[in-house]
Structures are given as structure tokens and as C-alpha cells.
Amino acid sequence: DLEVTGANRDLHSSQATIVPNAAWRLVWALSTLKDRSEDILVDGFYDDVVEPSPDEIEHLRRLAAARDDDLRRRDLGIDQFLLGVSGLQLVKRNLYQPTCTICGIESGYTGPGSKTVLPHRAAAKIDFRLVPNQRPDDIFEKVTRHFAQHGFADVEIRQLGAEHPARTPVDSALARVVQETIPEIYGRGPLVSPLMAATGPMHELSAQFGIPTVGTGCGYAHSNGHAPNENIRLDDFFQHLKHVALLFDRFSAVGEG
């Protein structure tokens, strides 16, 4: 959370020539985080980002070849993806580049009709999705220092949560069993994504204890993750249950060795 406060209450907007506007202050602070080329401007932000290995690049090529970028773009109602990327570069950017996202902003009056108000408070929720080998504590310190260096030390920053990125090799024993069992349930082989652009408690297992983690889901293109009417289809759900049961059975016989 980011929060900026100005006066001790909202005021008539005629006072905007002499009283600080919390909304403008927050907008100016946010504008220092990223440029129009989508580069995150926090010093040292990309220092620990790891590029995909040659084997991972091959998996990315297969993912890109199976995608219909134009269909996905039309489904989202957008003219193009950010920076005009497509194919391999789109997949690589989505999985191996960290993010800086403004999730929401609130300030002043946004209801129906006119209300000429000078807001005394403005708040925003932002998130940074990290990739191996970035560390959330390091990024939080860098973001805090960034605001101070740009003259925004007054912006209150509250860390709501932190999760380390994690990586399991695609040739691990667990990953191999997942790939081998998928055709028995779904009738075709899997597309393997070396990373996923989402968050889960993988680090606690894979990094701290050396336990591999692999995700196999039952979502589909219109599952609307984190959006209204988030959903899965029942047939997908039951197929997924069967796959998990088969996975438990096969992996228990293989072990990790």
C-alpha cells in the first residue's frame, strides 16, 4: 500500500492553488516507478534477474508455437500486447520479466455528478511480481530508497505480503512424472512452462527444503482469475482430479532420486 496525506480534511477545490493535493502527489510518486517503455526505474531492480537456460528457451519456443496471439489479443479487446511483442518474445517476457503493477487507486470524489473537492488523502495498491533470483526484502528496500531519492519520503509504504520466486528444473523426477501421466488422462502431451507468472508457496518447499514443486491446473482461457466470475468448468475439474490421483500413484513408486 502507498498512502499520501495533505491537509487534515478534504477542501473546496478553489484551495488547490495553495494547499497540497494528495492525489497529484501520489500520481507524481507513481510516475517515477516506470517509464513508457515499460522499464522499471528503481535502481538495482533487475540486478538479480536470471535469463532462461537454453533448455528452457526450447520449452518457450513450443509454448509460443502453440499460442494464437491474435486470438488472445482479440479476446482481451486490445490492439496489441505491450511493446508490440508476440511469439517467443511475448512468452519469455511474460514468464521471465518482473512486474510493477498499479492494482488500484483511490482518492477524493469519483461518484456521480460534480463535486469540486481537493482530496486530503490518496492511496494506491501496487505489486511487484518477482522472478528468480530476486528477493522481496531487497526489492522493498530498493523501492523505499527510490521514493526517498526522488523526493517522496513522505509517501507511506506498507508491505502487505512478500513471496520469494522459485524454480524447479523441468527435468526433475516430479516434472517428468507429471509430463508422462498427462497423456493418459487428457489424450495428448503437455506444454511445459518452466515458470509461471503467478504466486504460490513454492519457495518454502523448493528453495528452503529442496522439494520440487510443479503446478498442473484445471483453469481455461475464460477462468477470469482474480476477476469477477472467477470459475472453472466441472469437466476440467474432474479430469484434473483423475490426473492428480494418477500422479500420486506413479510418483510414489518413483521417488526423488
Protein backbone atom coordinates (compact mmCIF):
# COMPACT_ATOMS: atom_id res chain seq x y z
CA ASP A 1 0.00 0.00 0.00
CA LEU A 2 1.08 3.55 -0.72
CA GLU A 3 -0.61 6.46 1.03
CA VAL A 4 -0.21 10.23 0.79
CA THR A 5 -1.90 12.78 3.05
CA GLY A 6 -2.12 16.52 2.68
CA ALA A 7 -4.45 18.69 4.73
CA ASN A 8 -6.38 17.20 7.64
CA ARG A 9 -9.62 17.06 5.62
CA ASP A 10 -10.96 17.41 2.09
CA LEU A 11 -11.34 21.01 0.94
CA HIS A 12 -13.08 23.06 -1.72
CA SER A 13 -11.03 22.77 -4.93
CA SER A 14 -10.60 26.56 -5.03
CA GLN A 15 -7.87 25.99 -2.44
CA ALA A 16 -5.81 23.98 -4.94
CA THR A 17 -3.54 26.97 -5.61
CA ILE A 18 -2.22 26.99 -2.04
CA VAL A 19 -3.00 23.62 -0.40
CA PRO A 20 -1.24 20.37 -1.47
CA ASN A 21 -3.32 17.89 -3.43
CA ALA A 22 -2.71 14.36 -2.14
CA ALA A 23 -3.91 12.83 -5.41
CA TRP A 24 -1.38 14.73 -7.50
CA ARG A 25 1.36 13.92 -5.02
CA LEU A 26 0.64 10.21 -5.31
CA VAL A 27 0.41 10.33 -9.11
CA TRP A 28 3.79 12.06 -9.30
CA ALA A 29 5.34 9.47 -6.98
CA LEU A 30 3.91 6.58 -9.00
CA SER A 31 5.17 8.11 -12.25
CA THR A 32 8.77 7.66 -11.07
CA LEU A 33 8.47 3.88 -10.90
CA LYS A 34 8.20 3.01 -14.60
CA ASP A 35 8.69 4.69 -17.95
CA ARG A 36 6.63 4.43 -21.14
CA SER A 37 8.94 1.74 -22.46
CA GLU A 38 7.80 -0.46 -19.56
CA ASP A 39 11.20 -0.30 -17.87
CA ILE A 40 11.07 -0.25 -14.06
CA LEU A 41 13.21 2.68 -12.92
CA VAL A 42 14.11 1.56 -9.38
CA ASP A 43 17.90 1.42 -9.10
CA GLY A 44 19.14 -2.16 -9.00
CA PHE A 45 15.70 -3.64 -9.63
CA TYR A 46 16.89 -6.01 -12.37
CA ASP A 47 20.25 -6.91 -10.79
CA ASP A 48 19.32 -10.47 -9.82
CA VAL A 49 17.03 -11.37 -12.73
CA VAL A 50 18.11 -14.69 -14.31
CA GLU A 51 17.74 -15.35 -18.04
CA PRO A 52 16.22 -18.66 -19.19
CA SER A 53 18.59 -21.53 -19.91
CA PRO A 54 18.88 -22.99 -23.44
CA ASP A 55 16.64 -25.92 -22.43
CA GLU A 56 14.06 -23.52 -21.04
CA ILE A 57 14.19 -21.48 -24.25
CA GLU A 58 13.22 -24.61 -26.17
CA HIS A 59 10.17 -25.06 -23.95
CA LEU A 60 9.30 -21.41 -24.51
CA ARG A 61 9.50 -21.96 -28.27
CA ARG A 62 7.00 -24.81 -28.00
CA LEU A 63 4.68 -22.64 -25.90
CA ALA A 64 4.93 -19.82 -28.42
CA ALA A 65 4.24 -22.14 -31.35
CA ALA A 66 1.07 -23.42 -29.67
CA ARG A 67 -0.30 -19.94 -28.95
CA ASP A 68 -2.63 -17.89 -31.12
CA ASP A 69 -1.54 -14.40 -30.13
CA ASP A 70 -4.08 -12.70 -32.38
CA LEU A 71 -6.93 -14.74 -30.94
CA ARG A 72 -5.84 -13.93 -27.39
CA ARG A 73 -5.46 -10.25 -28.24
CA ARG A 74 -8.96 -10.09 -29.74
CA ASP A 75 -10.36 -11.96 -26.75
CA LEU A 76 -8.88 -9.30 -24.45
CA GLY A 77 -10.14 -6.47 -26.64
CA ILE A 78 -6.71 -4.86 -27.12
CA ASP A 79 -4.98 -3.67 -30.28
CA GLN A 80 -1.61 -5.15 -29.36
CA PHE A 81 0.35 -6.57 -26.46
CA LEU A 82 2.69 -4.27 -24.59
CA LEU A 83 5.63 -3.13 -26.70
CA GLY A 84 4.11 -5.00 -29.65
CA VAL A 85 5.68 -8.30 -28.58
CA SER A 86 4.47 -11.63 -29.93
CA GLY A 87 5.60 -15.22 -30.23
CA LEU A 88 8.70 -16.26 -28.32
CA GLN A 89 9.40 -12.75 -27.01
CA LEU A 90 5.88 -12.50 -25.61
CA VAL A 91 6.16 -15.81 -23.74
CA LYS A 92 9.65 -15.02 -22.47
CA ARG A 93 8.64 -11.56 -21.29
CA ASN A 94 5.55 -12.89 -19.53
CA LEU A 95 7.45 -15.58 -17.62
CA TYR A 96 10.93 -14.16 -17.07
CA GLN A 97 10.42 -10.44 -16.54
CA PRO A 98 9.32 -8.93 -13.19
CA THR A 99 6.40 -6.53 -13.00
CA CYS A 100 5.40 -3.27 -11.38
CA THR A 101 1.61 -3.03 -11.38
CA ILE A 102 -0.74 -0.36 -10.12
CA CYS A 103 -3.62 -2.54 -8.92
CA GLY A 104 -5.88 0.30 -7.83
CA ILE A 105 -6.02 3.97 -6.88
CA GLU A 106 -8.46 5.82 -4.65
CA SER A 107 -8.76 9.50 -3.74
CA GLY A 108 -11.29 12.29 -3.47
CA TYR A 109 -14.73 12.02 -5.03
CA THR A 110 -15.47 9.76 -8.01
CA GLY A 111 -19.24 9.38 -7.63
CA PRO A 112 -21.97 10.62 -9.97
CA GLY A 113 -22.29 14.29 -10.79
CA SER A 114 -19.94 17.10 -9.91
CA LYS A 115 -18.17 17.66 -6.62
CA THR A 116 -15.24 20.05 -6.77
CA VAL A 117 -13.12 18.62 -4.00
CA LEU A 118 -9.44 18.93 -3.11
CA PRO A 119 -8.60 15.47 -1.68
CA HIS A 120 -6.58 15.31 1.51
CA ARG A 121 -5.74 11.62 1.09
CA ALA A 122 -4.73 9.37 -1.79
CA ALA A 123 -3.87 5.68 -1.74
CA ALA A 124 -2.75 3.05 -4.20
CA LYS A 125 -2.13 -0.66 -4.17
CA ILE A 126 0.85 -1.83 -6.18
CA ASP A 127 2.51 -5.18 -6.60
CA PHE A 128 5.83 -6.41 -7.91
CA ARG A 129 5.81 -9.94 -9.28
CA LEU A 130 9.36 -11.17 -8.92
CA VAL A 131 11.35 -13.72 -10.88
CA PRO A 132 14.36 -15.84 -9.88
CA ASN A 133 16.67 -14.71 -8.19
CA GLN A 134 15.05 -11.52 -6.91
CA ARG A 135 14.32 -11.23 -3.17
CA PRO A 136 11.27 -9.43 -1.80
CA ASP A 137 13.10 -7.86 1.14
CA ASP A 138 15.75 -6.46 -1.21
CA ILE A 139 13.13 -5.08 -3.62
CA PHE A 140 11.16 -3.47 -0.79
CA GLU A 141 14.29 -1.71 0.44
CA LYS A 142 15.11 -0.52 -3.06
CA VAL A 143 11.60 0.82 -3.65
CA THR A 144 11.62 2.64 -0.30
CA ARG A 145 15.00 4.17 -1.12
CA HIS A 146 13.79 5.08 -4.61
CA PHE A 147 10.92 7.20 -3.30
CA ALA A 148 13.20 8.96 -0.82
CA GLN A 149 15.79 9.72 -3.51
CA HIS A 150 13.10 11.19 -5.76
CA GLY A 151 11.75 13.49 -3.07
CA PHE A 152 8.83 11.35 -1.94
CA ALA A 153 9.97 10.26 1.51
CA ASP A 154 6.57 11.43 2.78
CA VAL A 155 4.82 8.61 0.91
CA GLU A 156 3.82 6.00 3.48
CA ILE A 157 4.69 2.48 2.33
CA ARG A 158 3.13 -0.59 3.92
CA GLN A 159 4.24 -4.07 2.88
CA LEU A 160 1.19 -6.33 2.88
CA GLY A 161 2.89 -9.55 1.87
CA ALA A 162 6.03 -10.99 0.34
CA GLU A 163 6.75 -14.19 -1.56
CA HIS A 164 10.07 -15.33 -2.98
CA PRO A 165 10.14 -16.58 -6.57
CA ALA A 166 11.02 -20.23 -7.03
CA ARG A 167 12.15 -22.57 -9.77
CA THR A 168 12.03 -26.35 -10.21
CA PRO A 169 14.03 -27.85 -13.11
CA VAL A 170 11.80 -29.12 -15.89
CA ASP A 171 13.76 -32.38 -15.91
CA SER A 172 13.24 -33.13 -12.20
CA ALA A 173 11.73 -36.52 -11.33
CA LEU A 174 8.41 -34.93 -10.33
CA ALA A 175 8.20 -32.85 -13.51
CA ARG A 176 8.93 -35.94 -15.61
CA VAL A 177 6.16 -37.93 -13.93
CA VAL A 178 3.69 -35.08 -14.43
CA GLN A 179 4.55 -34.94 -18.14
CA GLU A 180 4.38 -38.73 -18.54
CA THR A 181 0.95 -39.09 -16.91
CA ILE A 182 -0.82 -36.21 -18.66
CA PRO A 183 -1.46 -38.09 -21.96
CA GLU A 184 -3.19 -40.91 -20.07
CA ILE A 185 -5.84 -38.50 -18.77
CA TYR A 186 -6.04 -35.81 -21.44
CA GLY A 187 -5.20 -37.81 -24.55
CA ARG A 188 -2.30 -35.58 -25.59
CA GLY A 189 1.05 -34.45 -24.30
CA PRO A 190 1.61 -31.34 -22.20
CA LEU A 191 3.09 -27.97 -22.98
CA VAL A 192 5.70 -27.32 -20.32
CA SER A 193 6.12 -23.84 -18.87
CA PRO A 194 9.43 -23.57 -16.98
CA LEU A 195 7.98 -20.82 -14.80
CA MET A 196 4.51 -19.48 -14.14
CA ALA A 197 3.58 -15.81 -13.96
CA ALA A 198 1.71 -16.23 -10.69
CA THR A 199 2.30 -16.61 -6.97
CA GLY A 200 2.26 -19.62 -4.71
CA PRO A 201 4.12 -21.01 -1.68
CA MET A 202 6.70 -22.83 -3.81
CA HIS A 203 9.78 -21.19 -2.30
CA GLU A 204 9.09 -22.64 1.15
CA LEU A 205 9.41 -26.12 -0.36
CA SER A 206 11.76 -25.88 -3.31
CA ALA A 207 14.30 -23.34 -2.08
CA GLN A 208 14.35 -23.98 1.65
CA PHE A 209 13.99 -27.77 1.65
CA GLY A 210 14.91 -28.85 -1.88
CA ILE A 211 11.45 -30.31 -2.54
CA PRO A 212 10.38 -29.89 -6.19
CA THR A 213 7.10 -28.13 -6.93
CA VAL A 214 5.09 -28.44 -10.13
CA GLY A 215 1.76 -26.85 -10.97
CA THR A 216 -0.93 -28.52 -13.05
CA GLY A 217 -4.20 -26.66 -13.11
CA CYS A 218 -7.74 -27.01 -14.36
CA GLY A 219 -8.32 -23.43 -15.44
CA TYR A 220 -9.07 -22.39 -19.01
CA ALA A 221 -8.89 -19.21 -21.09
CA HIS A 222 -12.01 -17.70 -19.53
CA SER A 223 -11.45 -18.73 -15.91
CA ASN A 224 -11.17 -14.99 -15.11
CA GLY A 225 -8.52 -15.41 -12.44
CA HIS A 226 -8.68 -12.61 -9.83
CA ALA A 227 -11.59 -11.06 -11.73
CA PRO A 228 -15.40 -11.12 -11.38
CA ASN A 229 -16.92 -14.55 -12.02
CA GLU A 230 -13.71 -16.47 -11.47
CA ASN A 231 -14.59 -20.02 -12.48
CA ILE A 232 -13.56 -23.46 -13.65
CA ARG A 233 -15.54 -25.97 -15.69
CA LEU A 234 -16.70 -29.16 -13.96
CA ASP A 235 -15.38 -31.48 -16.68
CA ASP A 236 -11.96 -29.86 -16.35
CA PHE A 237 -12.14 -30.19 -12.57
CA PHE A 238 -12.92 -33.92 -12.68
CA GLN A 239 -10.19 -34.58 -15.24
CA HIS A 240 -7.75 -32.74 -13.02
CA LEU A 241 -8.76 -34.87 -10.02
CA LYS A 242 -8.04 -38.00 -12.02
CA HIS A 243 -4.66 -36.67 -13.07
CA VAL A 244 -3.66 -35.77 -9.51
CA ALA A 245 -4.66 -39.24 -8.30
CA LEU A 246 -2.63 -40.88 -11.08
CA LEU A 247 0.29 -38.57 -10.33
CA PHE A 248 0.31 -39.56 -6.65
CA ASP A 249 0.29 -43.23 -7.59
CA ARG A 250 3.11 -43.02 -10.14
CA PHE A 251 5.34 -40.65 -8.22
CA SER A 252 5.09 -42.71 -5.04
CA ALA A 253 6.69 -45.54 -6.98
CA VAL A 254 9.43 -43.39 -8.49
CA GLY A 255 10.50 -41.17 -5.60
CA GLU A 256 13.01 -38.38 -5.98
CA GLY A 257 16.44 -39.75 -6.63
